[in-house]
Amino acid sequence: MVDPYPAGPEQPYRPPTKGEPPASVKTAINLIWVGVGLSVLSSLLTLLFLDDLIDDALGANAALDRDAAQLGVIIGTVFAIAFGVGLAILFIFFLKKGANWARIVYTVLLGFGIVAGVIGLLGSQPVVFLLLGLVGLVLNVATIVFLFRPDSNAFFSAPTPTY
């Protein structure tokens, strides 16, 4: 006996998606990339001005070993770059998919960054680091604003379609 309604070919599985992120989410993601670039630039400048920064940090405290301080700053800077870039890529991945938890956690992290940035601006530092800090603060605030615009809110609160 012949099946009167033969089945068509199997369709490939496509995981559920919310579709393309709106313009405000794309802008926020671009701002995150700019922030990553700014962080890498700041880290490279830290390494460039390393001797001056260590002289300022050691000051009258000659008991500290200069070589150990340099090594500590270099290791800390490399670790911070790797960790920060990796974390940014992870959040960008989930933000593009519309994960609201990623938006909330990233906003909290940016909030801590804003507070730390304001405190950092109060300290003594070279002008280039002051300017980079100010630009970073503006980027962080702008990123939060774009992540919570009305079209972003709709994207993150939309249910994930099921098949």
C-alpha atoms as a PDB file:
ATOM      1  CA  MET A   1       0.000   0.000   0.000  1.00  0.00           C
ATOM      2  CA  VAL A   2       1.281   3.419  -0.981  1.00  0.00           C
ATOM      3  CA  ASP A   3       1.175   6.279   1.512  1.00  0.00           C
ATOM      4  CA  PRO A   4      -1.220   8.852   0.015  1.00  0.00           C
ATOM      5  CA  TYR A   5       0.616  11.743   1.701  1.00  0.00           C
ATOM      6  CA  PRO A   6       4.327  11.061   1.507  1.00  0.00           C
ATOM      7  CA  ALA A   7       6.485  12.989   3.932  1.00  0.00           C
ATOM      8  CA  GLY A   8       8.806  15.614   2.523  1.00  0.00           C
ATOM      9  CA  PRO A   9      12.493  15.681   3.228  1.00  0.00           C
ATOM     10  CA  GLU A  10      13.523  16.343   6.816  1.00  0.00           C
ATOM     11  CA  GLN A  11      14.213  19.988   7.541  1.00  0.00           C
ATOM     12  CA  PRO A  12      17.483  20.741   9.306  1.00  0.00           C
ATOM     13  CA  TYR A  13      17.209  21.717  12.942  1.00  0.00           C
ATOM     14  CA  ARG A  14      17.459  25.434  13.570  1.00  0.00           C
ATOM     15  CA  PRO A  15      17.768  26.532  17.175  1.00  0.00           C
ATOM     16  CA  PRO A  16      15.175  29.047  18.324  1.00  0.00           C
ATOM     17  CA  THR A  17      16.204  32.673  17.989  1.00  0.00           C
ATOM     18  CA  LYS A  18      14.764  36.098  18.679  1.00  0.00           C
ATOM     19  CA  GLY A  19      15.967  37.383  15.342  1.00  0.00           C
ATOM     20  CA  GLU A  20      18.306  40.274  14.661  1.00  0.00           C
ATOM     21  CA  PRO A  21      19.060  42.586  17.587  1.00  0.00           C
ATOM     22  CA  PRO A  22      17.649  46.098  17.185  1.00  0.00           C
ATOM     23  CA  ALA A  23      19.829  49.102  16.356  1.00  0.00           C
ATOM     24  CA  SER A  24      20.246  50.127  19.998  1.00  0.00           C
ATOM     25  CA  VAL A  25      21.603  46.708  20.982  1.00  0.00           C
ATOM     26  CA  LYS A  26      23.952  46.752  17.991  1.00  0.00           C
ATOM     27  CA  THR A  27      25.126  50.218  19.051  1.00  0.00           C
ATOM     28  CA  ALA A  28      25.692  48.997  22.618  1.00  0.00           C
ATOM     29  CA  ILE A  29      27.720  46.067  21.274  1.00  0.00           C
ATOM     30  CA  ASN A  30      29.791  48.439  19.141  1.00  0.00           C
ATOM     31  CA  LEU A  31      30.396  50.588  22.222  1.00  0.00           C
ATOM     32  CA  ILE A  32      31.541  47.484  24.099  1.00  0.00           C
ATOM     33  CA  TRP A  33      34.077  46.824  21.309  1.00  0.00           C
ATOM     34  CA  VAL A  34      35.254  50.446  21.508  1.00  0.00           C
ATOM     35  CA  GLY A  35      35.622  50.007  25.278  1.00  0.00           C
ATOM     36  CA  VAL A  36      37.689  46.873  24.718  1.00  0.00           C
ATOM     37  CA  GLY A  37      39.927  48.791  22.329  1.00  0.00           C
ATOM     38  CA  LEU A  38      40.227  51.619  24.837  1.00  0.00           C
ATOM     39  CA  SER A  39      41.195  49.149  27.566  1.00  0.00           C
ATOM     40  CA  VAL A  40      43.858  47.576  25.365  1.00  0.00           C
ATOM     41  CA  LEU A  41      45.190  51.042  24.490  1.00  0.00           C
ATOM     42  CA  SER A  42      45.268  52.001  28.159  1.00  0.00           C
ATOM     43  CA  SER A  43      47.103  48.790  29.012  1.00  0.00           C
ATOM     44  CA  LEU A  44      49.674  49.370  26.273  1.00  0.00           C
ATOM     45  CA  LEU A  45      50.205  52.925  27.536  1.00  0.00           C
ATOM     46  CA  THR A  46      50.635  51.544  31.039  1.00  0.00           C
ATOM     47  CA  LEU A  47      53.450  49.359  29.753  1.00  0.00           C
ATOM     48  CA  LEU A  48      54.911  52.311  27.828  1.00  0.00           C
ATOM     49  CA  PHE A  49      54.910  54.572  30.907  1.00  0.00           C
ATOM     50  CA  LEU A  50      55.810  51.709  33.240  1.00  0.00           C
ATOM     51  CA  ASP A  51      58.994  53.252  34.654  1.00  0.00           C
ATOM     52  CA  ASP A  52      57.297  56.574  35.450  1.00  0.00           C
ATOM     53  CA  LEU A  53      54.290  54.858  37.013  1.00  0.00           C
ATOM     54  CA  ILE A  54      56.495  52.665  39.187  1.00  0.00           C
ATOM     55  CA  ASP A  55      58.583  55.663  40.275  1.00  0.00           C
ATOM     56  CA  ASP A  56      55.379  57.435  41.327  1.00  0.00           C
ATOM     57  CA  ALA A  57      54.085  54.340  43.106  1.00  0.00           C
ATOM     58  CA  LEU A  58      57.306  53.580  44.963  1.00  0.00           C
ATOM     59  CA  GLY A  59      58.011  57.211  45.892  1.00  0.00           C
ATOM     60  CA  ALA A  60      59.632  57.216  49.280  1.00  0.00           C
ATOM     61  CA  ASN A  61      59.042  53.500  49.740  1.00  0.00           C
ATOM     62  CA  ALA A  62      62.442  52.357  48.462  1.00  0.00           C
ATOM     63  CA  ALA A  63      62.123  49.100  50.391  1.00  0.00           C
ATOM     64  CA  LEU A  64      60.024  47.668  47.564  1.00  0.00           C
ATOM     65  CA  ASP A  65      61.922  45.899  44.811  1.00  0.00           C
ATOM     66  CA  ARG A  66      61.642  47.791  41.503  1.00  0.00           C
ATOM     67  CA  ASP A  67      61.997  44.634  39.369  1.00  0.00           C
ATOM     68  CA  ALA A  68      59.280  42.856  41.334  1.00  0.00           C
ATOM     69  CA  ALA A  69      56.988  45.850  40.889  1.00  0.00           C
ATOM     70  CA  GLN A  70      57.617  45.907  37.118  1.00  0.00           C
ATOM     71  CA  LEU A  71      56.981  42.193  36.791  1.00  0.00           C
ATOM     72  CA  GLY A  72      53.801  42.488  38.857  1.00  0.00           C
ATOM     73  CA  VAL A  73      52.458  45.307  36.696  1.00  0.00           C
ATOM     74  CA  ILE A  74      53.300  43.471  33.460  1.00  0.00           C
ATOM     75  CA  ILE A  75      51.681  40.211  34.597  1.00  0.00           C
ATOM     76  CA  GLY A  76      48.657  42.060  35.956  1.00  0.00           C
ATOM     77  CA  THR A  77      48.241  44.034  32.744  1.00  0.00           C
ATOM     78  CA  VAL A  78      48.468  40.977  30.486  1.00  0.00           C
ATOM     79  CA  PHE A  79      46.033  39.062  32.694  1.00  0.00           C
ATOM     80  CA  ALA A  80      43.618  42.016  32.791  1.00  0.00           C
ATOM     81  CA  ILE A  81      43.666  42.352  28.996  1.00  0.00           C
ATOM     82  CA  ALA A  82      43.066  38.630  28.428  1.00  0.00           C
ATOM     83  CA  PHE A  83      40.337  38.384  31.061  1.00  0.00           C
ATOM     84  CA  GLY A  84      38.625  41.622  30.008  1.00  0.00           C
ATOM     85  CA  VAL A  85      38.594  40.787  26.299  1.00  0.00           C
ATOM     86  CA  GLY A  86      37.359  37.249  26.985  1.00  0.00           C
ATOM     87  CA  LEU A  87      34.600  38.510  29.259  1.00  0.00           C
ATOM     88  CA  ALA A  88      33.534  41.139  26.728  1.00  0.00           C
ATOM     89  CA  ILE A  89      33.341  38.538  23.951  1.00  0.00           C
ATOM     90  CA  LEU A  90      31.248  36.280  26.180  1.00  0.00           C
ATOM     91  CA  PHE A  91      28.790  39.054  27.008  1.00  0.00           C
ATOM     92  CA  ILE A  92      28.606  40.218  23.387  1.00  0.00           C
ATOM     93  CA  PHE A  93      27.707  36.661  22.351  1.00  0.00           C
ATOM     94  CA  PHE A  94      24.818  36.474  24.828  1.00  0.00           C
ATOM     95  CA  LEU A  95      23.653  40.049  24.260  1.00  0.00           C
ATOM     96  CA  LYS A  96      23.325  39.343  20.517  1.00  0.00           C
ATOM     97  CA  LYS A  97      21.123  36.354  21.379  1.00  0.00           C
ATOM     98  CA  GLY A  98      18.866  38.511  23.572  1.00  0.00           C
ATOM     99  CA  ALA A  99      19.789  37.028  26.964  1.00  0.00           C
ATOM    100  CA  ASN A 100      18.320  39.434  29.502  1.00  0.00           C
ATOM    101  CA  TRP A 101      20.507  38.025  32.299  1.00  0.00           C
ATOM    102  CA  ALA A 102      23.583  39.080  30.280  1.00  0.00           C
ATOM    103  CA  ARG A 103      22.232  42.612  29.980  1.00  0.00           C
ATOM    104  CA  ILE A 104      21.609  42.816  33.732  1.00  0.00           C
ATOM    105  CA  VAL A 105      24.956  41.317  34.760  1.00  0.00           C
ATOM    106  CA  TYR A 106      26.860  43.466  32.265  1.00  0.00           C
ATOM    107  CA  THR A 107      25.051  46.569  33.539  1.00  0.00           C
ATOM    108  CA  VAL A 108      26.036  45.729  37.124  1.00  0.00           C
ATOM    109  CA  LEU A 109      29.652  45.234  36.047  1.00  0.00           C
ATOM    110  CA  LEU A 110      29.574  48.552  34.174  1.00  0.00           C
ATOM    111  CA  GLY A 111      28.128  50.184  37.296  1.00  0.00           C
ATOM    112  CA  PHE A 112      31.089  48.945  39.334  1.00  0.00           C
ATOM    113  CA  GLY A 113      33.379  50.154  36.541  1.00  0.00           C
ATOM    114  CA  ILE A 114      31.799  53.603  36.635  1.00  0.00           C
ATOM    115  CA  VAL A 115      32.270  53.887  40.396  1.00  0.00           C
ATOM    116  CA  ALA A 116      35.884  52.674  40.131  1.00  0.00           C
ATOM    117  CA  GLY A 117      36.479  55.051  37.218  1.00  0.00           C
ATOM    118  CA  VAL A 118      35.217  58.065  39.168  1.00  0.00           C
ATOM    119  CA  ILE A 119      37.419  57.113  42.116  1.00  0.00           C
ATOM    120  CA  GLY A 120      40.347  56.633  39.737  1.00  0.00           C
ATOM    121  CA  LEU A 121      39.866  60.114  38.306  1.00  0.00           C
ATOM    122  CA  LEU A 122      40.378  61.581  41.768  1.00  0.00           C
ATOM    123  CA  GLY A 123      43.915  60.182  42.018  1.00  0.00           C
ATOM    124  CA  SER A 124      47.139  61.563  40.627  1.00  0.00           C
ATOM    125  CA  GLN A 125      47.882  60.245  37.151  1.00  0.00           C
ATOM    126  CA  PRO A 126      49.277  61.339  33.803  1.00  0.00           C
ATOM    127  CA  VAL A 127      46.917  63.399  31.640  1.00  0.00           C
ATOM    128  CA  VAL A 128      46.609  60.680  28.993  1.00  0.00           C
ATOM    129  CA  PHE A 129      45.212  58.250  31.585  1.00  0.00           C
ATOM    130  CA  LEU A 130      42.847  60.918  32.891  1.00  0.00           C
ATOM    131  CA  LEU A 131      41.491  61.475  29.367  1.00  0.00           C
ATOM    132  CA  LEU A 132      41.174  57.740  28.698  1.00  0.00           C
ATOM    133  CA  GLY A 133      39.350  57.368  32.010  1.00  0.00           C
ATOM    134  CA  LEU A 134      36.884  60.111  31.104  1.00  0.00           C
ATOM    135  CA  VAL A 135      36.230  58.596  27.681  1.00  0.00           C
ATOM    136  CA  GLY A 136      35.765  55.183  29.315  1.00  0.00           C
ATOM    137  CA  LEU A 137      33.196  56.592  31.745  1.00  0.00           C
ATOM    138  CA  VAL A 138      31.220  58.179  28.911  1.00  0.00           C
ATOM    139  CA  LEU A 139      31.340  54.884  26.957  1.00  0.00           C
ATOM    140  CA  ASN A 140      30.104  52.900  29.959  1.00  0.00           C
ATOM    141  CA  VAL A 141      27.184  55.246  30.595  1.00  0.00           C
ATOM    142  CA  ALA A 142      26.273  55.303  26.888  1.00  0.00           C
ATOM    143  CA  THR A 143      26.388  51.493  26.734  1.00  0.00           C
ATOM    144  CA  ILE A 144      23.937  51.237  29.637  1.00  0.00           C
ATOM    145  CA  VAL A 145      21.628  53.789  28.002  1.00  0.00           C
ATOM    146  CA  PHE A 146      21.578  51.847  24.721  1.00  0.00           C
ATOM    147  CA  LEU A 147      21.013  48.526  26.492  1.00  0.00           C
ATOM    148  CA  PHE A 148      17.861  49.918  28.121  1.00  0.00           C
ATOM    149  CA  ARG A 149      16.261  51.845  25.257  1.00  0.00           C
ATOM    150  CA  PRO A 150      12.670  50.859  24.425  1.00  0.00           C
ATOM    151  CA  ASP A 151      13.606  48.715  21.406  1.00  0.00           C
ATOM    152  CA  SER A 152      16.297  46.989  23.483  1.00  0.00           C
ATOM    153  CA  ASN A 153      13.790  46.324  26.261  1.00  0.00           C
ATOM    154  CA  ALA A 154      11.407  44.747  23.742  1.00  0.00           C
ATOM    155  CA  PHE A 155      14.196  42.582  22.306  1.00  0.00           C
ATOM    156  CA  PHE A 156      15.405  41.321  25.681  1.00  0.00           C
ATOM    157  CA  SER A 157      11.901  40.725  27.060  1.00  0.00           C
ATOM    158  CA  ALA A 158      10.609  38.912  23.944  1.00  0.00           C
ATOM    159  CA  PRO A 159      10.116  35.206  24.513  1.00  0.00           C
ATOM    160  CA  THR A 160      12.423  32.835  22.738  1.00  0.00           C
ATOM    161  CA  PRO A 161      10.386  31.088  20.030  1.00  0.00           C
ATOM    162  CA  THR A 162       9.921  27.346  20.304  1.00  0.00           C
ATOM    163  CA  TYR A 163       9.277  24.900  17.492  1.00  0.00           C
END
